[in-house]
């Protein structure tokens, strides 16, 4: 989903010294959010979050960079 019309809502980054993980949260419209999870430059997973709040999607993104999601 690298070229979404809606753009990135928020981005998350791992702490220095930790594995290089980043994540981006996009709006898919109609209350849908997409979380892209990267390790280095490689997209490892993309999750579609439906029926939940933006905070829920951002928590998912943060859990990825913190290593809670493997």
C-alpha atoms as a PDB file:
ATOM      1  CA  UNK A   1       0.000   0.000   0.000  1.00  0.00           C
ATOM      2  CA  UNK A   2       2.905   2.336  -0.588  1.00  0.00           C
ATOM      3  CA  UNK A   3       0.850   4.899  -2.524  1.00  0.00           C
ATOM      4  CA  UNK A   4      -2.287   5.487  -0.443  1.00  0.00           C
ATOM      5  CA  UNK A   5      -4.310   8.593  -1.260  1.00  0.00           C
ATOM      6  CA  UNK A   6      -5.125   9.092   2.403  1.00  0.00           C
ATOM      7  CA  UNK A   7      -1.508   9.317   3.597  1.00  0.00           C
ATOM      8  CA  UNK A   8       0.162   8.295   6.802  1.00  0.00           C
ATOM      9  CA  UNK A   9      -1.615   9.152  10.054  1.00  0.00           C
ATOM     10  CA  UNK A  10       1.313   8.234  12.309  1.00  0.00           C
ATOM     11  CA  UNK A  11       4.684   6.496  12.269  1.00  0.00           C
ATOM     12  CA  UNK A  12       6.537   4.576  14.965  1.00  0.00           C
ATOM     13  CA  UNK A  13      10.241   3.743  15.297  1.00  0.00           C
ATOM     14  CA  UNK A  14      12.196   1.316  17.453  1.00  0.00           C
ATOM     15  CA  UNK A  15      14.577   2.652  20.085  1.00  0.00           C
ATOM     16  CA  UNK A  16      18.284   3.006  19.261  1.00  0.00           C
ATOM     17  CA  UNK A  17      20.137  -0.239  19.919  1.00  0.00           C
ATOM     18  CA  UNK A  18      17.026  -2.358  19.316  1.00  0.00           C
ATOM     19  CA  UNK A  19      16.205  -4.253  16.089  1.00  0.00           C
ATOM     20  CA  UNK A  20      15.431  -1.770  13.291  1.00  0.00           C
ATOM     21  CA  UNK A  21      11.637  -1.838  13.212  1.00  0.00           C
ATOM     22  CA  UNK A  22       9.229   0.813  11.990  1.00  0.00           C
ATOM     23  CA  UNK A  23       5.499   0.961  11.404  1.00  0.00           C
ATOM     24  CA  UNK A  24       3.071   3.296   9.689  1.00  0.00           C
ATOM     25  CA  UNK A  25      -0.654   3.725  10.295  1.00  0.00           C
ATOM     26  CA  UNK A  26      -2.851   4.726   7.348  1.00  0.00           C
ATOM     27  CA  UNK A  27      -6.535   5.518   7.101  1.00  0.00           C
ATOM     28  CA  UNK A  28      -8.309   3.191   4.727  1.00  0.00           C
ATOM     29  CA  UNK A  29     -11.499   5.233   5.009  1.00  0.00           C
ATOM     30  CA  UNK A  30     -14.810   4.323   6.636  1.00  0.00           C
ATOM     31  CA  UNK A  31     -13.223   3.618  10.016  1.00  0.00           C
ATOM     32  CA  UNK A  32     -10.660   1.188   8.610  1.00  0.00           C
ATOM     33  CA  UNK A  33      -6.961   1.535   9.441  1.00  0.00           C
ATOM     34  CA  UNK A  34      -3.981  -0.189   7.862  1.00  0.00           C
ATOM     35  CA  UNK A  35      -0.807  -0.869   9.832  1.00  0.00           C
ATOM     36  CA  UNK A  36       2.340  -1.593   7.826  1.00  0.00           C
ATOM     37  CA  UNK A  37       5.152  -3.225   9.821  1.00  0.00           C
ATOM     38  CA  UNK A  38       8.727  -3.072   8.569  1.00  0.00           C
ATOM     39  CA  UNK A  39      11.982  -4.680   9.621  1.00  0.00           C
ATOM     40  CA  UNK A  40      14.692  -2.604   8.044  1.00  0.00           C
ATOM     41  CA  UNK A  41      13.279  -1.777   4.617  1.00  0.00           C
ATOM     42  CA  UNK A  42      11.345  -5.038   4.322  1.00  0.00           C
ATOM     43  CA  UNK A  43       7.578  -5.043   4.776  1.00  0.00           C
ATOM     44  CA  UNK A  44       6.971  -7.939   7.187  1.00  0.00           C
ATOM     45  CA  UNK A  45       3.244  -7.604   7.709  1.00  0.00           C
ATOM     46  CA  UNK A  46       0.262  -5.455   6.839  1.00  0.00           C
ATOM     47  CA  UNK A  47      -2.754  -5.560   9.132  1.00  0.00           C
ATOM     48  CA  UNK A  48      -6.181  -4.215   8.297  1.00  0.00           C
ATOM     49  CA  UNK A  49      -7.848  -2.955  11.476  1.00  0.00           C
ATOM     50  CA  UNK A  50     -11.641  -2.790  11.217  1.00  0.00           C
ATOM     51  CA  UNK A  51     -14.162  -2.103  13.949  1.00  0.00           C
ATOM     52  CA  UNK A  52     -11.586  -0.516  16.259  1.00  0.00           C
ATOM     53  CA  UNK A  53     -10.381   2.988  17.052  1.00  0.00           C
ATOM     54  CA  UNK A  54      -7.329   4.812  15.753  1.00  0.00           C
ATOM     55  CA  UNK A  55      -5.776   4.277  19.182  1.00  0.00           C
ATOM     56  CA  UNK A  56      -6.122   0.512  18.739  1.00  0.00           C
ATOM     57  CA  UNK A  57      -4.335   0.701  15.357  1.00  0.00           C
ATOM     58  CA  UNK A  58      -1.587   2.873  16.842  1.00  0.00           C
ATOM     59  CA  UNK A  59      -1.182   0.437  19.742  1.00  0.00           C
ATOM     60  CA  UNK A  60      -0.680  -2.334  17.179  1.00  0.00           C
ATOM     61  CA  UNK A  61       1.984  -0.261  15.405  1.00  0.00           C
ATOM     62  CA  UNK A  62       3.732   0.525  18.691  1.00  0.00           C
ATOM     63  CA  UNK A  63       3.647  -3.130  19.768  1.00  0.00           C
ATOM     64  CA  UNK A  64       5.475  -4.030  16.542  1.00  0.00           C
ATOM     65  CA  UNK A  65       8.348  -1.606  17.093  1.00  0.00           C
ATOM     66  CA  UNK A  66       8.633  -2.584  20.771  1.00  0.00           C
ATOM     67  CA  UNK A  67       8.920  -6.271  19.831  1.00  0.00           C
ATOM     68  CA  UNK A  68       5.651  -7.374  21.454  1.00  0.00           C
ATOM     69  CA  UNK A  69       4.518  -8.588  18.019  1.00  0.00           C
ATOM     70  CA  UNK A  70       7.126 -11.003  16.631  1.00  0.00           C
END
